[in-house]
Amino acid sequence: MRRRALVVESVIKPDASSRSAVAGSAPAYAELYCRSSFSFGAGASQPEELVARAHALGYAALALTDECSVAGMVRAHVEAK
């Protein structure tokens, strides 16, 4: 059985105060494989927590790759705004 992951990208705009000295000198980073609790059995974090952590780390974007559902994207999108 072949599984497919739905990939949706939410752009996160980190402010200067959320970046560490190391992250500020590094190029923009985007996590392209991230599963939330909406991927049953594969992820444990809520979408809001993932977006908040990505923002704190200074990520330029986060791709939420939940399997068989895009339900977590609504929460991730609201948090990213």
C-alpha atoms as a PDB file:
ATOM      1  CA  MET A   1       0.000   0.000   0.000  1.00  0.00           C
ATOM      2  CA  ARG A   2       1.420   3.333  -1.021  1.00  0.00           C
ATOM      3  CA  ARG A   3       1.019   6.267   1.367  1.00  0.00           C
ATOM      4  CA  ARG A   4       0.843   9.871   0.341  1.00  0.00           C
ATOM      5  CA  ALA A   5       1.605  12.881   2.467  1.00  0.00           C
ATOM      6  CA  LEU A   6      -0.205  16.137   1.878  1.00  0.00           C
ATOM      7  CA  VAL A   7       2.311  18.973   1.858  1.00  0.00           C
ATOM      8  CA  VAL A   8       1.118  22.461   2.653  1.00  0.00           C
ATOM      9  CA  GLU A   9       3.487  25.306   3.464  1.00  0.00           C
ATOM     10  CA  SER A  10       2.749  28.064   5.950  1.00  0.00           C
ATOM     11  CA  VAL A  11       5.070  31.044   5.755  1.00  0.00           C
ATOM     12  CA  ILE A  12       6.322  32.208   9.125  1.00  0.00           C
ATOM     13  CA  LYS A  13       7.794  35.676   9.473  1.00  0.00           C
ATOM     14  CA  PRO A  14      10.161  35.631  12.446  1.00  0.00           C
ATOM     15  CA  ASP A  15      11.031  38.917  14.056  1.00  0.00           C
ATOM     16  CA  ALA A  16      14.584  39.876  14.940  1.00  0.00           C
ATOM     17  CA  SER A  17      14.055  39.308  18.668  1.00  0.00           C
ATOM     18  CA  SER A  18      13.100  35.636  18.184  1.00  0.00           C
ATOM     19  CA  ARG A  19      16.334  34.724  16.412  1.00  0.00           C
ATOM     20  CA  SER A  20      19.395  33.578  18.264  1.00  0.00           C
ATOM     21  CA  ALA A  21      22.864  34.771  17.330  1.00  0.00           C
ATOM     22  CA  VAL A  22      23.505  31.519  15.475  1.00  0.00           C
ATOM     23  CA  ALA A  23      20.173  31.540  13.605  1.00  0.00           C
ATOM     24  CA  GLY A  24      20.664  35.181  12.631  1.00  0.00           C
ATOM     25  CA  SER A  25      23.860  34.361  10.751  1.00  0.00           C
ATOM     26  CA  ALA A  26      22.511  31.172   9.149  1.00  0.00           C
ATOM     27  CA  PRO A  27      20.612  31.164   5.858  1.00  0.00           C
ATOM     28  CA  ALA A  28      16.815  30.941   5.938  1.00  0.00           C
ATOM     29  CA  TYR A  29      15.634  27.441   6.858  1.00  0.00           C
ATOM     30  CA  ALA A  30      12.372  25.677   6.072  1.00  0.00           C
ATOM     31  CA  GLU A  31      11.423  22.345   7.623  1.00  0.00           C
ATOM     32  CA  LEU A  32       9.989  20.227   4.801  1.00  0.00           C
ATOM     33  CA  TYR A  33       8.940  17.141   6.784  1.00  0.00           C
ATOM     34  CA  CYS A  34       6.852  17.808   9.849  1.00  0.00           C
ATOM     35  CA  ARG A  35       3.978  15.701  11.200  1.00  0.00           C
ATOM     36  CA  SER A  36       1.405  16.905  13.726  1.00  0.00           C
ATOM     37  CA  SER A  37      -0.985  14.955  15.940  1.00  0.00           C
ATOM     38  CA  PHE A  38      -3.351  14.843  12.951  1.00  0.00           C
ATOM     39  CA  SER A  39      -1.106  12.118  11.459  1.00  0.00           C
ATOM     40  CA  PHE A  40      -2.454   9.400  13.694  1.00  0.00           C
ATOM     41  CA  GLY A  41       0.359   7.352  15.200  1.00  0.00           C
ATOM     42  CA  ALA A  42       3.119   9.382  13.511  1.00  0.00           C
ATOM     43  CA  GLY A  43       3.093  12.794  15.209  1.00  0.00           C
ATOM     44  CA  ALA A  44       2.533  13.984  18.764  1.00  0.00           C
ATOM     45  CA  SER A  45       2.654  17.808  18.653  1.00  0.00           C
ATOM     46  CA  GLN A  46      -0.306  20.077  18.000  1.00  0.00           C
ATOM     47  CA  PRO A  47      -0.010  22.231  14.846  1.00  0.00           C
ATOM     48  CA  GLU A  48      -0.028  25.410  16.948  1.00  0.00           C
ATOM     49  CA  GLU A  49       2.955  24.148  18.956  1.00  0.00           C
ATOM     50  CA  LEU A  50       4.891  23.301  15.793  1.00  0.00           C
ATOM     51  CA  VAL A  51       4.350  26.773  14.303  1.00  0.00           C
ATOM     52  CA  ALA A  52       5.247  28.509  17.574  1.00  0.00           C
ATOM     53  CA  ARG A  53       8.472  26.485  17.860  1.00  0.00           C
ATOM     54  CA  ALA A  54       9.400  27.115  14.227  1.00  0.00           C
ATOM     55  CA  HIS A  55       8.891  30.842  14.829  1.00  0.00           C
ATOM     56  CA  ALA A  56      11.045  30.728  17.973  1.00  0.00           C
ATOM     57  CA  LEU A  57      13.831  28.981  16.036  1.00  0.00           C
ATOM     58  CA  GLY A  58      13.692  31.561  13.237  1.00  0.00           C
ATOM     59  CA  TYR A  59      12.493  29.205  10.480  1.00  0.00           C
ATOM     60  CA  ALA A  60      11.442  30.926   7.252  1.00  0.00           C
ATOM     61  CA  ALA A  61       8.664  28.360   6.627  1.00  0.00           C
ATOM     62  CA  LEU A  62       7.212  25.096   7.855  1.00  0.00           C
ATOM     63  CA  ALA A  63       5.691  22.359   5.677  1.00  0.00           C
ATOM     64  CA  LEU A  64       3.082  20.375   7.585  1.00  0.00           C
ATOM     65  CA  THR A  65       3.123  16.902   5.989  1.00  0.00           C
ATOM     66  CA  ASP A  66       0.282  15.111   7.762  1.00  0.00           C
ATOM     67  CA  GLU A  67      -0.895  11.881   6.161  1.00  0.00           C
ATOM     68  CA  CYS A  68      -4.490  11.403   4.979  1.00  0.00           C
ATOM     69  CA  SER A  69      -5.723  14.715   6.419  1.00  0.00           C
ATOM     70  CA  VAL A  70      -5.334  18.460   6.051  1.00  0.00           C
ATOM     71  CA  ALA A  71      -7.283  19.170   9.252  1.00  0.00           C
ATOM     72  CA  GLY A  72      -4.205  20.466  11.091  1.00  0.00           C
ATOM     73  CA  MET A  73      -3.532  23.139   8.454  1.00  0.00           C
ATOM     74  CA  VAL A  74      -6.380  25.352   9.703  1.00  0.00           C
ATOM     75  CA  ARG A  75      -4.861  25.518  13.177  1.00  0.00           C
ATOM     76  CA  ALA A  76      -1.336  25.967  11.794  1.00  0.00           C
ATOM     77  CA  HIS A  77      -2.456  28.754   9.480  1.00  0.00           C
ATOM     78  CA  VAL A  78      -4.253  30.640  12.261  1.00  0.00           C
ATOM     79  CA  GLU A  79      -1.189  30.346  14.511  1.00  0.00           C
ATOM     80  CA  ALA A  80       1.155  31.497  11.710  1.00  0.00           C
ATOM     81  CA  LYS A  81      -0.798  34.712  11.247  1.00  0.00           C
END
